[in-house]
Protein backbone atom coordinates (compact mmCIF):
# COMPACT_ATOMS: atom_id res chain seq x y z
CA UNK A 1 -31.30 -35.45 -60.67
CA UNK A 2 -32.97 -32.45 -60.06
CA UNK A 3 -36.12 -34.51 -58.24
CA UNK A 4 -33.47 -35.95 -55.75
CA UNK A 5 -31.44 -33.00 -54.49
CA UNK A 6 -34.87 -31.04 -54.28
CA UNK A 7 -35.69 -34.04 -52.34
CA UNK A 8 -33.35 -34.14 -50.27
CA UNK A 9 -33.38 -30.41 -49.13
CA UNK A 10 -37.40 -30.62 -48.27
CA UNK A 11 -36.16 -33.82 -45.85
CA UNK A 12 -33.56 -32.01 -44.07
CA UNK A 13 -35.76 -28.99 -43.89
CA UNK A 14 -38.25 -30.59 -42.56
CA UNK A 15 -36.37 -32.82 -40.34
CA UNK A 16 -34.57 -29.28 -38.81
CA UNK A 17 -38.71 -28.26 -37.52
CA UNK A 18 -39.39 -31.40 -35.83
CA UNK A 19 -35.59 -30.75 -34.69
CA UNK A 20 -36.70 -27.24 -32.95
CA UNK A 21 -40.23 -27.89 -31.88
CA UNK A 22 -39.64 -31.17 -30.03
CA UNK A 23 -36.35 -28.85 -28.18
CA UNK A 24 -39.02 -26.33 -27.38
CA UNK A 25 -41.15 -28.48 -25.73
CA UNK A 26 -38.57 -30.55 -23.90
CA UNK A 27 -36.41 -27.34 -22.35
CA UNK A 28 -35.73 -28.14 -18.95
CA UNK A 29 -35.25 -25.70 -15.23
CA UNK A 30 -31.84 -25.90 -13.98
CA UNK A 31 -31.07 -28.58 -11.80
CA UNK A 32 -29.98 -26.23 -9.50
CA UNK A 33 -34.00 -24.09 -9.85
CA UNK A 34 -34.99 -20.91 -11.86
CA UNK A 35 -33.08 -18.08 -11.44
CA UNK A 36 -33.52 -15.60 -8.48
CA UNK A 37 -32.99 -12.17 -8.83
CA UNK A 38 -30.12 -10.52 -7.32
CA UNK A 39 -30.58 -8.08 -4.03
CA UNK A 40 -30.36 -4.42 -4.72
CA UNK A 41 -26.79 -2.74 -4.54
CA UNK A 42 -25.56 -1.03 -1.93
CA UNK A 43 -25.29 2.56 -1.52
CA UNK A 44 -22.58 4.25 -3.03
CA UNK A 45 -19.28 5.61 -0.13
CA UNK A 46 -20.42 9.07 0.44
CA UNK A 47 -24.06 8.19 0.53
CA UNK A 48 -25.69 9.74 3.38
CA UNK A 49 -27.12 6.09 4.07
CA UNK A 50 -23.58 4.85 4.10
CA UNK A 51 -22.18 3.52 8.12
CA UNK A 52 -19.86 1.32 8.05
CA UNK A 53 -19.51 -0.90 10.75
CA UNK A 54 -16.31 0.29 13.30
CA UNK A 55 -14.03 -2.35 14.97
CA UNK A 56 -12.71 -1.86 18.57
CA UNK A 57 -9.23 -1.49 18.45
CA UNK A 58 -5.71 0.23 20.03
CA UNK A 59 -2.33 0.46 19.08
CA UNK A 60 1.30 2.34 19.62
CA UNK A 61 4.22 2.58 19.01
CA UNK A 62 7.09 5.36 19.37
CA UNK A 63 10.61 5.46 17.36
CA UNK A 64 13.37 8.00 18.83
CA UNK A 65 16.53 7.47 16.62
CA UNK A 66 18.60 9.78 18.23
CA UNK A 67 21.53 9.20 15.47
CA UNK A 68 19.22 10.56 12.92
CA UNK A 69 17.00 12.47 15.40
CA UNK A 70 14.20 11.31 14.11
CA UNK A 71 11.33 10.95 17.43
CA UNK A 72 8.07 10.16 16.53
CA UNK A 73 5.37 7.94 18.09
CA UNK A 74 1.62 7.36 17.68
CA UNK A 75 -1.06 6.25 20.17
CA UNK A 76 -4.73 5.49 19.17
CA UNK A 77 -7.80 3.51 19.86
CA UNK A 78 -11.20 3.07 19.49
CA UNK A 79 -14.54 1.43 21.11
CA UNK A 80 -16.01 1.32 17.08
CA UNK A 81 -18.01 4.84 16.64
CA UNK A 82 -15.82 7.37 18.28
CA UNK A 83 -11.68 7.28 17.79
CA UNK A 84 -9.29 8.97 19.97
CA UNK A 85 -5.53 9.24 19.44
CA UNK A 86 -2.87 11.57 19.46
CA UNK A 87 0.66 11.21 18.04
CA UNK A 88 4.10 13.80 17.93
CA UNK A 89 7.17 14.56 15.93
CA UNK A 90 10.37 16.17 16.70
CA UNK A 91 10.26 19.07 13.74
CA UNK A 92 13.48 19.79 12.63
CA UNK A 93 13.73 23.40 14.13
CA UNK A 94 13.73 21.95 17.46
CA UNK A 95 9.87 21.81 19.02
CA UNK A 96 7.98 19.09 19.75
CA UNK A 97 4.83 19.05 17.33
CA UNK A 98 2.07 16.88 19.61
CA UNK A 99 -1.49 16.69 18.13
CA UNK A 100 -4.43 15.01 19.90
CA UNK A 101 -7.96 14.13 18.67
CA UNK A 102 -10.91 12.81 18.08
CA UNK A 103 -12.95 11.52 14.76
CA UNK A 104 -16.45 10.02 14.09
CA UNK A 105 -19.37 9.97 11.42
CA UNK A 106 -21.15 12.43 12.63
CA UNK A 107 -19.07 15.20 13.84
CA UNK A 108 -15.76 14.12 11.69
CA UNK A 109 -12.03 14.96 12.53
CA UNK A 110 -11.54 17.47 15.14
CA UNK A 111 -7.93 18.42 16.07
CA UNK A 112 -6.05 20.15 18.92
CA UNK A 113 -1.74 20.55 18.27
CA UNK A 114 0.45 22.12 20.22
CA UNK A 115 3.58 22.84 19.86
CA UNK A 116 6.45 22.36 23.26
CA UNK A 117 9.64 24.59 23.13
CA UNK A 118 11.49 27.22 21.08
CA UNK A 119 11.73 27.38 17.88
CA UNK A 120 15.78 27.53 17.11
CA UNK A 121 18.05 27.90 13.27
CA UNK A 122 19.11 24.21 12.17
CA UNK A 123 22.49 24.44 13.05
CA UNK A 124 25.52 25.38 9.99
CA UNK A 125 26.12 23.09 7.11
CA UNK A 126 28.77 20.63 8.63
CA UNK A 127 31.66 18.56 6.08
CA UNK A 128 30.29 14.89 5.37
CA UNK A 129 32.16 11.91 7.31
CA UNK A 130 34.19 10.17 5.84
CA UNK A 131 34.46 6.68 5.92
CA UNK A 132 37.79 5.00 5.56
CA UNK A 133 38.72 1.08 5.35
CA UNK A 134 39.06 -0.27 8.53
CA UNK A 135 40.87 -2.69 7.16
CA UNK A 136 44.92 -2.51 5.20
CA UNK A 137 43.76 -3.92 1.00
CA UNK A 138 44.22 -7.61 0.05
CA UNK A 139 47.88 -8.04 -1.81
CA UNK A 140 46.36 -10.05 -3.94
CA UNK A 141 42.87 -10.47 -5.53
CA UNK A 142 41.04 -13.46 -5.29
CA UNK A 143 39.24 -13.46 -8.60
CA UNK A 144 42.80 -12.89 -10.37
CA UNK A 145 45.90 -14.84 -11.66
CA UNK A 146 48.18 -11.57 -10.99
CA UNK A 147 49.39 -10.47 -8.08
CA UNK A 148 48.12 -7.08 -7.41
CA UNK A 149 49.96 -3.73 -6.34
CA UNK A 150 51.66 -3.76 -3.39
CA UNK A 151 50.57 -0.74 -2.31
CA UNK A 152 47.67 1.45 -2.81
CA UNK A 153 48.29 5.39 -4.16
CA UNK A 154 47.66 7.57 -2.01
CA UNK A 155 43.90 9.91 -1.18
CA UNK A 156 44.42 12.71 0.83
CA UNK A 157 40.77 13.04 2.04
CA UNK A 158 39.60 16.38 2.38
CA UNK A 159 39.68 16.58 6.10
CA UNK A 160 43.10 15.88 6.70
CA UNK A 161 44.25 18.63 3.89
CA UNK A 162 42.39 20.62 6.18
CA UNK A 163 44.23 19.89 8.85
């Protein structure tokens, strides 16, 4: 029995070595060709040779909302190399701040800031606005089978208490 096991192990070892030898000689290149080397990586951002190509563009917008006091806008244009623009904003102290700027890869960002008007203190604190419903409250809730009270409790608003 031991001779049979030794003989089987020897045959299996020879077959494995023969398969290895035949597989090494039959290694073919992939169907898409030999592997190509990777190109060198691009220079990191901020490197002296890094410069992204510019795209010409132009845009502008303006917001003016008298209810909340917002007044601001911006206009900008670029030829792909130099960016020029202006923006303005109404400051809380009543002045209008206008910034004219230009930027490129050589000089960087250069801005000219101007103010129009005189600074004023904000108005004194005013009490908040009280909103009241325009329609009477329903006498019956649509989600319940019981009737709602016919008269709502009296509500005293701070503005009415002072008057």
